[in-house]
Amino acid sequence: MTDYADLTRFIIERMVGAPEAVTVRSEVKGRTTIIEVGVAEADMGKLIGKGGRNIDAVRAVVRAAGLRGHERVQVELAEQR
């Protein structure tokens, strides 16, 4: 089994300005693994990207990794406080 949280952390830490602030939490809900990602408030724009392109690309890569193992994986952004 691939650790999707580690894959997601690896990708996002290289996208943001403050990689030490990246938080990744994994939770299994039924047949789906939910990966919740948090970043520093200043990096949220970089993570989302213009028109959501960056986060969509991260989601596509992680989803594709899940498909190889016949698993459903979903990447979500954590709520900012």
N, C-alpha and C. Protein backbone atom coordinates (compact mmCIF):
# COMPACT_ATOMS: atom_id res chain seq x y z
N MET A 1 0.84 -1.20 0.00
CA MET A 1 0.00 0.00 0.00
C MET A 1 0.88 1.25 0.00
N THR A 2 0.55 2.18 -0.86
CA THR A 2 1.28 3.44 -0.94
C THR A 2 0.80 4.37 0.16
N ASP A 3 1.72 5.13 0.73
CA ASP A 3 1.31 6.11 1.74
C ASP A 3 1.01 7.42 1.03
N TYR A 4 -0.26 7.67 0.79
CA TYR A 4 -0.68 8.85 0.02
C TYR A 4 -0.41 10.15 0.76
N ALA A 5 -0.42 10.11 2.09
CA ALA A 5 -0.11 11.31 2.87
C ALA A 5 1.34 11.73 2.63
N ASP A 6 2.25 10.76 2.60
CA ASP A 6 3.66 11.09 2.35
C ASP A 6 3.86 11.63 0.93
N LEU A 7 3.18 11.05 -0.04
CA LEU A 7 3.27 11.54 -1.41
C LEU A 7 2.77 12.97 -1.51
N THR A 8 1.63 13.23 -0.87
CA THR A 8 1.05 14.57 -0.89
C THR A 8 1.97 15.57 -0.22
N ARG A 9 2.53 15.20 0.94
CA ARG A 9 3.46 16.09 1.65
C ARG A 9 4.68 16.38 0.78
N PHE A 10 5.23 15.36 0.13
CA PHE A 10 6.41 15.52 -0.73
C PHE A 10 6.15 16.55 -1.82
N ILE A 11 5.00 16.46 -2.47
CA ILE A 11 4.67 17.38 -3.56
C ILE A 11 4.47 18.80 -3.03
N ILE A 12 3.67 18.94 -1.99
CA ILE A 12 3.30 20.27 -1.51
C ILE A 12 4.46 21.00 -0.87
N GLU A 13 5.33 20.29 -0.15
CA GLU A 13 6.48 20.96 0.47
C GLU A 13 7.37 21.62 -0.57
N ARG A 14 7.39 21.11 -1.79
CA ARG A 14 8.22 21.69 -2.84
C ARG A 14 7.53 22.84 -3.56
N MET A 15 6.25 23.05 -3.28
CA MET A 15 5.49 24.12 -3.93
C MET A 15 5.45 25.40 -3.10
N VAL A 16 5.56 25.28 -1.79
CA VAL A 16 5.30 26.42 -0.91
C VAL A 16 6.59 27.06 -0.41
N GLY A 17 6.46 28.27 0.15
CA GLY A 17 7.61 29.00 0.68
C GLY A 17 8.00 28.58 2.08
N ALA A 18 7.04 28.02 2.84
CA ALA A 18 7.30 27.58 4.22
C ALA A 18 6.96 26.10 4.35
N PRO A 19 7.86 25.22 3.86
CA PRO A 19 7.55 23.78 3.90
C PRO A 19 7.40 23.23 5.32
N GLU A 20 7.99 23.88 6.31
CA GLU A 20 7.88 23.40 7.69
C GLU A 20 6.46 23.59 8.23
N ALA A 21 5.66 24.44 7.59
CA ALA A 21 4.29 24.71 8.05
C ALA A 21 3.27 23.77 7.41
N VAL A 22 3.70 22.88 6.52
CA VAL A 22 2.78 21.98 5.84
C VAL A 22 2.30 20.91 6.82
N THR A 23 0.98 20.73 6.88
CA THR A 23 0.40 19.65 7.69
C THR A 23 -0.42 18.76 6.76
N VAL A 24 -0.27 17.47 6.95
CA VAL A 24 -1.01 16.50 6.13
C VAL A 24 -1.59 15.45 7.07
N ARG A 25 -2.90 15.25 6.97
CA ARG A 25 -3.58 14.28 7.82
C ARG A 25 -4.36 13.33 6.91
N SER A 26 -4.30 12.06 7.23
CA SER A 26 -4.98 11.03 6.43
C SER A 26 -6.08 10.39 7.25
N GLU A 27 -7.24 10.19 6.62
CA GLU A 27 -8.37 9.57 7.31
C GLU A 27 -9.11 8.67 6.32
N VAL A 28 -9.41 7.47 6.75
CA VAL A 28 -10.15 6.54 5.89
C VAL A 28 -11.63 6.65 6.23
N LYS A 29 -12.43 6.94 5.20
CA LYS A 29 -13.89 7.02 5.36
C LYS A 29 -14.50 6.06 4.36
N GLY A 30 -14.94 4.93 4.85
CA GLY A 30 -15.51 3.92 3.95
C GLY A 30 -14.46 3.39 3.00
N ARG A 31 -14.72 3.51 1.70
CA ARG A 31 -13.78 3.02 0.70
C ARG A 31 -12.84 4.12 0.20
N THR A 32 -12.92 5.31 0.79
CA THR A 32 -12.14 6.45 0.33
C THR A 32 -11.15 6.90 1.40
N THR A 33 -9.93 7.22 0.97
CA THR A 33 -8.94 7.82 1.86
C THR A 33 -8.96 9.32 1.62
N ILE A 34 -9.20 10.09 2.68
CA ILE A 34 -9.23 11.55 2.60
C ILE A 34 -7.88 12.07 3.11
N ILE A 35 -7.20 12.87 2.29
CA ILE A 35 -5.95 13.51 2.68
C ILE A 35 -6.26 14.99 2.88
N GLU A 36 -6.10 15.46 4.12
CA GLU A 36 -6.37 16.87 4.42
C GLU A 36 -5.05 17.61 4.53
N VAL A 37 -4.93 18.70 3.79
CA VAL A 37 -3.67 19.45 3.68
C VAL A 37 -3.85 20.85 4.24
N GLY A 38 -2.89 21.27 5.05
CA GLY A 38 -2.86 22.63 5.56
C GLY A 38 -1.51 23.25 5.27
N VAL A 39 -1.50 24.54 4.94
CA VAL A 39 -0.26 25.27 4.69
C VAL A 39 -0.34 26.61 5.40
N ALA A 40 0.78 27.31 5.45
CA ALA A 40 0.78 28.66 6.02
C ALA A 40 -0.16 29.54 5.20
N GLU A 41 -0.79 30.48 5.86
CA GLU A 41 -1.77 31.35 5.19
C GLU A 41 -1.16 32.06 3.98
N ALA A 42 0.11 32.45 4.10
CA ALA A 42 0.78 33.14 3.00
C ALA A 42 1.00 32.24 1.79
N ASP A 43 1.02 30.92 1.99
CA ASP A 43 1.25 29.97 0.90
C ASP A 43 -0.02 29.43 0.27
N MET A 44 -1.17 29.78 0.82
CA MET A 44 -2.42 29.23 0.31
C MET A 44 -2.62 29.57 -1.17
N GLY A 45 -2.27 30.77 -1.56
CA GLY A 45 -2.41 31.18 -2.97
C GLY A 45 -1.52 30.35 -3.89
N LYS A 46 -0.31 30.07 -3.43
CA LYS A 46 0.60 29.24 -4.24
C LYS A 46 0.05 27.83 -4.38
N LEU A 47 -0.50 27.30 -3.30
CA LEU A 47 -1.02 25.94 -3.33
C LEU A 47 -2.23 25.83 -4.26
N ILE A 48 -3.13 26.79 -4.18
CA ILE A 48 -4.33 26.74 -5.01
C ILE A 48 -3.99 27.06 -6.46
N GLY A 49 -3.19 28.09 -6.68
CA GLY A 49 -2.78 28.45 -8.03
C GLY A 49 -3.87 29.21 -8.77
N LYS A 50 -3.51 29.74 -9.91
CA LYS A 50 -4.44 30.53 -10.70
C LYS A 50 -5.57 29.64 -11.22
N GLY A 51 -6.78 29.98 -10.82
CA GLY A 51 -7.94 29.20 -11.24
C GLY A 51 -7.98 27.81 -10.64
N GLY A 52 -7.19 27.57 -9.58
CA GLY A 52 -7.18 26.26 -8.94
C GLY A 52 -6.33 25.22 -9.65
N ARG A 53 -5.49 25.66 -10.56
CA ARG A 53 -4.69 24.71 -11.35
C ARG A 53 -3.72 23.88 -10.51
N ASN A 54 -3.04 24.53 -9.55
CA ASN A 54 -2.03 23.80 -8.77
C ASN A 54 -2.66 22.71 -7.90
N ILE A 55 -3.72 23.06 -7.17
CA ILE A 55 -4.34 22.05 -6.30
C ILE A 55 -4.99 20.96 -7.15
N ASP A 56 -5.53 21.32 -8.31
CA ASP A 56 -6.10 20.31 -9.20
C ASP A 56 -5.03 19.34 -9.68
N ALA A 57 -3.83 19.85 -9.95
CA ALA A 57 -2.73 18.99 -10.40
C ALA A 57 -2.30 18.04 -9.27
N VAL A 58 -2.21 18.56 -8.04
CA VAL A 58 -1.86 17.71 -6.89
C VAL A 58 -2.92 16.62 -6.73
N ARG A 59 -4.17 17.01 -6.82
CA ARG A 59 -5.26 16.03 -6.68
C ARG A 59 -5.18 14.96 -7.76
N ALA A 60 -4.87 15.37 -8.98
CA ALA A 60 -4.78 14.41 -10.09
C ALA A 60 -3.66 13.40 -9.87
N VAL A 61 -2.50 13.87 -9.41
CA VAL A 61 -1.36 12.98 -9.18
C VAL A 61 -1.67 11.98 -8.07
N VAL A 62 -2.21 12.46 -6.96
CA VAL A 62 -2.51 11.58 -5.83
C VAL A 62 -3.64 10.62 -6.20
N ARG A 63 -4.65 11.10 -6.93
CA ARG A 63 -5.74 10.22 -7.37
C ARG A 63 -5.20 9.13 -8.29
N ALA A 64 -4.29 9.49 -9.19
CA ALA A 64 -3.70 8.51 -10.11
C ALA A 64 -2.89 7.46 -9.34
N ALA A 65 -2.18 7.89 -8.30
CA ALA A 65 -1.43 6.94 -7.47
C ALA A 65 -2.39 5.96 -6.80
N GLY A 66 -3.54 6.45 -6.38
CA GLY A 66 -4.54 5.60 -5.76
C GLY A 66 -5.14 4.61 -6.74
N LEU A 67 -5.36 5.05 -7.97
CA LEU A 67 -5.94 4.18 -8.99
C LEU A 67 -5.03 3.00 -9.29
N ARG A 68 -3.73 3.20 -9.22
CA ARG A 68 -2.79 2.10 -9.44
C ARG A 68 -3.00 0.99 -8.43
N GLY A 69 -3.39 1.37 -7.21
CA GLY A 69 -3.65 0.37 -6.16
C GLY A 69 -5.13 0.06 -6.00
N HIS A 70 -5.95 0.49 -6.97
CA HIS A 70 -7.40 0.28 -6.93
C HIS A 70 -8.04 0.85 -5.67
N GLU A 71 -7.58 2.07 -5.30
CA GLU A 71 -8.11 2.75 -4.12
C GLU A 71 -8.57 4.14 -4.52
N ARG A 72 -9.52 4.67 -3.75
CA ARG A 72 -10.00 6.03 -3.97
C ARG A 72 -9.28 6.95 -2.99
N VAL A 73 -8.68 8.01 -3.51
CA VAL A 73 -7.97 8.96 -2.67
C VAL A 73 -8.44 10.35 -3.05
N GLN A 74 -8.74 11.16 -2.03
CA GLN A 74 -9.26 12.51 -2.25
C GLN A 74 -8.41 13.49 -1.44
N VAL A 75 -7.96 14.58 -2.07
CA VAL A 75 -7.17 15.61 -1.38
C VAL A 75 -8.07 16.80 -1.12
N GLU A 76 -8.11 17.25 0.15
CA GLU A 76 -8.91 18.39 0.55
C GLU A 76 -8.03 19.39 1.28
N LEU A 77 -8.42 20.66 1.22
CA LEU A 77 -7.71 21.71 1.93
C LEU A 77 -8.29 21.87 3.33
N ALA A 78 -7.41 22.00 4.32
CA ALA A 78 -7.85 22.19 5.70
C ALA A 78 -8.40 23.61 5.85
N GLU A 79 -9.33 23.78 6.74
CA GLU A 79 -9.88 25.09 7.01
C GLU A 79 -8.83 25.97 7.67
N GLN A 80 -8.74 27.21 7.20
CA GLN A 80 -7.80 28.17 7.80
C GLN A 80 -8.44 28.79 9.04
N ARG A 81 -7.66 28.95 10.09
CA ARG A 81 -8.17 29.55 11.33
C ARG A 81 -7.76 30.99 11.42
